[in-house]
Amino acid sequence: QVQLVESGGGWVQPGGSLGLSCTASGNIFNVIAMGWYRQPPGKQRELVATFTSIGETNYADSMKGRFTISRDSAKKTVHLQMTSLKPEDTAVYYCYADITIRTYSGGIYSYASNDYWGQGTQVTVSS
């Protein structure tokens, strides 16, 4: 019922820049939180940057000053602008969202909140 579709990513040389975008679609009542995580080769998934439930931004320390998250709430879209990229930024980047859906049955609305993930997009930083 909910899809997160990512775009952007690819290959870039060290010191370069890349942008990622993610749009949520489906039976969405409310987007509570939305942002980005990444999974480097052989490592666990880690936080990159998110918008929290109260609209604040939350960055991993290693991304502060280099990455910028922005959003278009009306379009249910988040963007991640990455600059001064390093080889250690190489990873699969995943869009994440905490979304409430609303369903209607038997005259009653029901609400449910769940975490959703995109399919991931590869970012490779190398010379």
Foldseek 3Di string as FASTA:
>chain_A
DKAKAKDWADEDAAQAKIKMKIFMDDQFDDWQKKDKWWAAPPGDIGFAWMQHSVRDIDGDPVQPPFKDKDDDRVRRMIMIIGGSDDQRVWTWMKMKIWTKGWDDDPRDIDIDTDMDIHPTDTHGYHD
